[in-house]
Amino acid sequence: MTDVRWGELSGKDGTGLRVSTEPGDHLELSALRYTPADLDGPKHPHELTPRKETVLGVNHRQMGLGGNDSWGAAPLEQYLLHADRTYRYGYRLRAV
């Protein structure tokens, strides 16, 4: 999910973890049964083996995947992340 201000992961008993950011800021969150390394190798979803634990991903942002066509156009300028800039973000983890 993108443009997230906060999110919670909890078990059946209601206990869990809350991640939040500062007012006016946003995060990207994911909660998967796979690590990034798990997703890197297989070519098809049926080749994945779900883990018992949930893997929480907390990111600042990601660059867009493509432009306005399907022939390799670059992302639009507003979705580019330039390597010569400094990006900072913060978040808080709290038990719930």
N, C-alpha and C. Protein backbone atom coordinates (compact mmCIF):
# COMPACT_ATOMS: atom_id res chain seq x y z
N MET A 1 0.84 -1.17 0.00
CA MET A 1 0.00 0.00 0.00
C MET A 1 0.89 1.24 0.00
N THR A 2 0.43 2.25 -0.70
CA THR A 2 1.18 3.50 -0.74
C THR A 2 0.37 4.62 -0.09
N ASP A 3 1.05 5.72 0.22
CA ASP A 3 0.44 6.88 0.88
C ASP A 3 -0.22 6.50 2.20
N VAL A 4 0.47 5.69 2.99
CA VAL A 4 -0.05 5.20 4.26
C VAL A 4 0.47 6.07 5.40
N ARG A 5 -0.40 6.43 6.32
CA ARG A 5 0.01 7.18 7.51
C ARG A 5 0.29 6.25 8.68
N TRP A 6 -0.46 5.14 8.75
CA TRP A 6 -0.22 4.15 9.80
C TRP A 6 -0.84 2.82 9.37
N GLY A 7 -0.35 1.75 10.00
CA GLY A 7 -0.89 0.43 9.76
C GLY A 7 -0.65 -0.44 10.98
N GLU A 8 -1.48 -1.47 11.14
CA GLU A 8 -1.34 -2.39 12.27
C GLU A 8 -1.38 -3.83 11.78
N LEU A 9 -0.54 -4.64 12.42
CA LEU A 9 -0.58 -6.09 12.25
C LEU A 9 -0.91 -6.68 13.61
N SER A 10 -1.90 -7.55 13.65
CA SER A 10 -2.23 -8.15 14.94
C SER A 10 -2.67 -9.59 14.75
N GLY A 11 -2.53 -10.35 15.82
CA GLY A 11 -2.94 -11.74 15.83
C GLY A 11 -4.38 -11.88 16.25
N LYS A 12 -4.83 -13.11 16.34
CA LYS A 12 -6.22 -13.38 16.74
C LYS A 12 -6.53 -12.85 18.13
N ASP A 13 -5.50 -12.76 18.98
CA ASP A 13 -5.72 -12.25 20.34
C ASP A 13 -5.71 -10.72 20.42
N GLY A 14 -5.48 -10.05 19.28
CA GLY A 14 -5.51 -8.60 19.25
C GLY A 14 -4.18 -7.92 19.51
N THR A 15 -3.17 -8.66 19.96
CA THR A 15 -1.86 -8.05 20.19
C THR A 15 -1.10 -7.98 18.88
N GLY A 16 -0.28 -6.95 18.76
CA GLY A 16 0.45 -6.81 17.51
C GLY A 16 1.39 -5.63 17.50
N LEU A 17 1.53 -5.05 16.32
CA LEU A 17 2.50 -3.99 16.07
C LEU A 17 1.84 -2.91 15.23
N ARG A 18 2.06 -1.67 15.64
CA ARG A 18 1.56 -0.52 14.86
C ARG A 18 2.77 0.24 14.32
N VAL A 19 2.73 0.59 13.06
CA VAL A 19 3.76 1.43 12.45
C VAL A 19 3.08 2.73 12.02
N SER A 20 3.73 3.86 12.32
CA SER A 20 3.16 5.16 11.97
C SER A 20 4.28 6.11 11.59
N THR A 21 3.90 7.19 10.93
CA THR A 21 4.85 8.21 10.53
C THR A 21 4.42 9.56 11.07
N GLU A 22 5.24 10.55 10.87
CA GLU A 22 4.94 11.90 11.34
C GLU A 22 3.78 12.50 10.55
N PRO A 23 3.02 13.42 11.16
CA PRO A 23 1.93 14.07 10.43
C PRO A 23 2.44 14.72 9.14
N GLY A 24 1.70 14.53 8.07
CA GLY A 24 2.09 15.09 6.78
C GLY A 24 3.00 14.20 5.97
N ASP A 25 3.54 13.14 6.57
CA ASP A 25 4.42 12.21 5.88
C ASP A 25 3.63 10.96 5.49
N HIS A 26 4.20 10.17 4.59
CA HIS A 26 3.55 8.94 4.15
C HIS A 26 4.59 7.84 4.00
N LEU A 27 4.14 6.60 4.11
CA LEU A 27 4.98 5.43 3.95
C LEU A 27 4.37 4.50 2.91
N GLU A 28 5.14 3.49 2.55
CA GLU A 28 4.63 2.35 1.79
C GLU A 28 4.79 1.13 2.69
N LEU A 29 3.73 0.37 2.86
CA LEU A 29 3.74 -0.80 3.73
C LEU A 29 3.35 -2.05 2.95
N SER A 30 3.96 -3.17 3.35
CA SER A 30 3.53 -4.47 2.84
C SER A 30 3.61 -5.46 4.00
N ALA A 31 2.73 -6.44 3.98
CA ALA A 31 2.72 -7.52 4.97
C ALA A 31 2.52 -8.81 4.19
N LEU A 32 3.61 -9.57 4.05
CA LEU A 32 3.60 -10.76 3.21
C LEU A 32 4.08 -11.98 3.97
N ARG A 33 3.84 -13.12 3.46
CA ARG A 33 4.35 -14.39 4.00
C ARG A 33 5.64 -14.79 3.31
N TYR A 34 6.30 -13.80 2.68
CA TYR A 34 7.54 -14.05 1.95
C TYR A 34 8.54 -12.93 2.24
N THR A 35 9.83 -13.26 2.23
CA THR A 35 10.87 -12.25 2.32
C THR A 35 11.15 -11.74 0.90
N PRO A 36 11.82 -10.60 0.76
CA PRO A 36 12.20 -10.15 -0.58
C PRO A 36 13.04 -11.20 -1.32
N ALA A 37 13.92 -11.91 -0.59
CA ALA A 37 14.74 -12.95 -1.23
C ALA A 37 13.87 -14.10 -1.74
N ASP A 38 12.80 -14.44 -1.00
CA ASP A 38 11.89 -15.49 -1.45
C ASP A 38 11.27 -15.14 -2.79
N LEU A 39 10.95 -13.88 -3.00
CA LEU A 39 10.26 -13.43 -4.20
C LEU A 39 11.20 -13.25 -5.39
N ASP A 40 12.50 -13.24 -5.13
CA ASP A 40 13.48 -12.95 -6.17
C ASP A 40 13.72 -14.10 -7.13
N GLY A 41 13.56 -15.35 -6.70
CA GLY A 41 13.93 -16.46 -7.54
C GLY A 41 12.84 -17.08 -8.39
N PRO A 42 11.71 -17.45 -7.82
CA PRO A 42 10.69 -18.17 -8.57
C PRO A 42 10.12 -17.35 -9.72
N LYS A 43 9.74 -18.06 -10.77
CA LYS A 43 9.15 -17.40 -11.93
C LYS A 43 7.62 -17.45 -11.89
N HIS A 44 7.05 -18.31 -11.04
CA HIS A 44 5.60 -18.47 -10.96
C HIS A 44 5.16 -18.51 -9.50
N PRO A 45 3.99 -17.95 -9.19
CA PRO A 45 3.51 -17.92 -7.80
C PRO A 45 3.42 -19.30 -7.15
N HIS A 46 3.09 -20.33 -7.91
CA HIS A 46 2.94 -21.65 -7.29
C HIS A 46 4.28 -22.22 -6.80
N GLU A 47 5.38 -21.61 -7.19
CA GLU A 47 6.71 -22.05 -6.75
C GLU A 47 7.09 -21.47 -5.37
N LEU A 48 6.29 -20.58 -4.84
CA LEU A 48 6.56 -19.95 -3.54
C LEU A 48 6.00 -20.80 -2.41
N THR A 49 6.75 -20.86 -1.31
CA THR A 49 6.28 -21.53 -0.11
C THR A 49 6.07 -20.47 0.97
N PRO A 50 4.82 -20.26 1.40
CA PRO A 50 4.58 -19.24 2.43
C PRO A 50 5.28 -19.58 3.73
N ARG A 51 5.79 -18.56 4.40
CA ARG A 51 6.41 -18.72 5.72
C ARG A 51 5.33 -18.70 6.80
N LYS A 52 5.67 -19.17 7.98
CA LYS A 52 4.74 -19.11 9.12
C LYS A 52 4.60 -17.67 9.61
N GLU A 53 5.69 -16.91 9.56
CA GLU A 53 5.67 -15.54 10.05
C GLU A 53 5.26 -14.57 8.93
N THR A 54 4.83 -13.39 9.34
CA THR A 54 4.51 -12.32 8.41
C THR A 54 5.69 -11.37 8.35
N VAL A 55 6.09 -10.99 7.16
CA VAL A 55 7.22 -10.10 6.93
C VAL A 55 6.67 -8.70 6.64
N LEU A 56 6.98 -7.75 7.52
CA LEU A 56 6.51 -6.37 7.37
C LEU A 56 7.56 -5.57 6.61
N GLY A 57 7.15 -4.95 5.52
CA GLY A 57 8.03 -4.07 4.75
C GLY A 57 7.61 -2.63 4.96
N VAL A 58 8.56 -1.78 5.36
CA VAL A 58 8.30 -0.36 5.56
C VAL A 58 9.26 0.42 4.67
N ASN A 59 8.71 1.13 3.70
CA ASN A 59 9.53 1.89 2.75
C ASN A 59 9.07 3.33 2.70
N HIS A 60 10.01 4.18 2.26
CA HIS A 60 9.64 5.58 2.05
C HIS A 60 8.87 5.70 0.76
N ARG A 61 9.46 5.31 -0.33
CA ARG A 61 8.81 5.37 -1.64
C ARG A 61 9.58 4.52 -2.63
N GLN A 62 8.95 4.26 -3.76
CA GLN A 62 9.60 3.53 -4.83
C GLN A 62 9.37 4.30 -6.13
N MET A 63 10.32 4.17 -7.03
CA MET A 63 10.19 4.85 -8.31
C MET A 63 9.13 4.15 -9.16
N GLY A 64 8.43 4.92 -9.97
CA GLY A 64 7.43 4.35 -10.87
C GLY A 64 8.03 3.33 -11.81
N LEU A 65 7.18 2.42 -12.30
CA LEU A 65 7.64 1.33 -13.15
C LEU A 65 7.75 1.69 -14.61
N GLY A 66 6.94 2.59 -15.09
CA GLY A 66 6.99 2.90 -16.52
C GLY A 66 6.19 4.13 -16.85
N GLY A 67 6.27 4.51 -18.10
CA GLY A 67 5.60 5.72 -18.55
C GLY A 67 4.21 5.46 -19.07
N ASN A 68 3.86 6.18 -20.11
CA ASN A 68 2.50 6.15 -20.63
C ASN A 68 2.28 5.12 -21.73
N ASP A 69 3.25 4.31 -22.02
CA ASP A 69 3.06 3.28 -23.03
C ASP A 69 3.68 1.98 -22.56
N SER A 70 3.59 0.97 -23.34
CA SER A 70 4.15 -0.34 -22.95
C SER A 70 5.43 -0.65 -23.72
N TRP A 71 6.09 0.37 -24.28
CA TRP A 71 7.28 0.15 -25.09
C TRP A 71 8.55 0.68 -24.45
N GLY A 72 8.60 0.71 -23.12
CA GLY A 72 9.84 1.07 -22.45
C GLY A 72 10.01 2.53 -22.11
N ALA A 73 8.96 3.31 -22.15
CA ALA A 73 9.09 4.72 -21.79
C ALA A 73 9.44 4.85 -20.31
N ALA A 74 10.22 5.87 -19.98
CA ALA A 74 10.61 6.12 -18.59
C ALA A 74 9.40 6.59 -17.79
N PRO A 75 9.45 6.44 -16.45
CA PRO A 75 8.38 6.99 -15.62
C PRO A 75 8.27 8.50 -15.81
N LEU A 76 7.10 9.04 -15.55
CA LEU A 76 6.93 10.48 -15.61
C LEU A 76 7.81 11.14 -14.55
N GLU A 77 8.24 12.35 -14.81
CA GLU A 77 9.17 13.08 -13.93
C GLU A 77 8.69 13.08 -12.47
N GLN A 78 7.41 13.25 -12.24
CA GLN A 78 6.91 13.32 -10.85
C GLN A 78 7.07 12.01 -10.09
N TYR A 79 7.34 10.90 -10.80
CA TYR A 79 7.49 9.60 -10.15
C TYR A 79 8.94 9.10 -10.14
N LEU A 80 9.88 9.91 -10.58
CA LEU A 80 11.28 9.53 -10.58
C LEU A 80 11.90 9.75 -9.20
N LEU A 81 12.82 8.88 -8.82
CA LEU A 81 13.66 9.07 -7.65
C LEU A 81 15.09 9.24 -8.15
N HIS A 82 15.63 10.41 -7.98
CA HIS A 82 16.95 10.72 -8.52
C HIS A 82 18.05 10.28 -7.55
N ALA A 83 19.10 9.68 -8.09
CA ALA A 83 20.20 9.15 -7.27
C ALA A 83 21.06 10.25 -6.65
N ASP A 84 21.02 11.45 -7.18
CA ASP A 84 21.87 12.53 -6.67
C ASP A 84 21.19 13.36 -5.58
N ARG A 85 20.10 12.85 -5.01
CA ARG A 85 19.38 13.55 -3.95
C ARG A 85 19.40 12.73 -2.67
N THR A 86 19.20 13.42 -1.57
CA THR A 86 19.12 12.75 -0.27
C THR A 86 17.65 12.61 0.11
N TYR A 87 17.26 11.40 0.48
CA TYR A 87 15.89 11.13 0.90
C TYR A 87 15.92 10.68 2.35
N ARG A 88 15.04 11.22 3.15
CA ARG A 88 14.97 10.85 4.56
C ARG A 88 13.52 10.56 4.94
N TYR A 89 13.36 9.60 5.82
CA TYR A 89 12.04 9.34 6.36
C TYR A 89 12.20 8.66 7.70
N GLY A 90 11.17 8.70 8.47
CA GLY A 90 11.19 8.06 9.79
C GLY A 90 9.84 7.43 10.07
N TYR A 91 9.86 6.48 10.98
CA TYR A 91 8.62 5.84 11.39
C TYR A 91 8.77 5.32 12.80
N ARG A 92 7.63 5.06 13.42
CA ARG A 92 7.61 4.54 14.80
C ARG A 92 6.94 3.19 14.81
N LEU A 93 7.49 2.30 15.64
CA LEU A 93 6.89 0.99 15.88
C LEU A 93 6.39 0.97 17.31
N ARG A 94 5.15 0.54 17.50
CA ARG A 94 4.57 0.50 18.84
C ARG A 94 3.80 -0.80 19.02
N ALA A 95 3.95 -1.41 20.17
CA ALA A 95 3.19 -2.63 20.48
C ALA A 95 1.73 -2.25 20.73
N VAL A 96 0.82 -3.07 20.23
CA VAL A 96 -0.62 -2.88 20.47
C VAL A 96 -1.20 -4.14 21.08
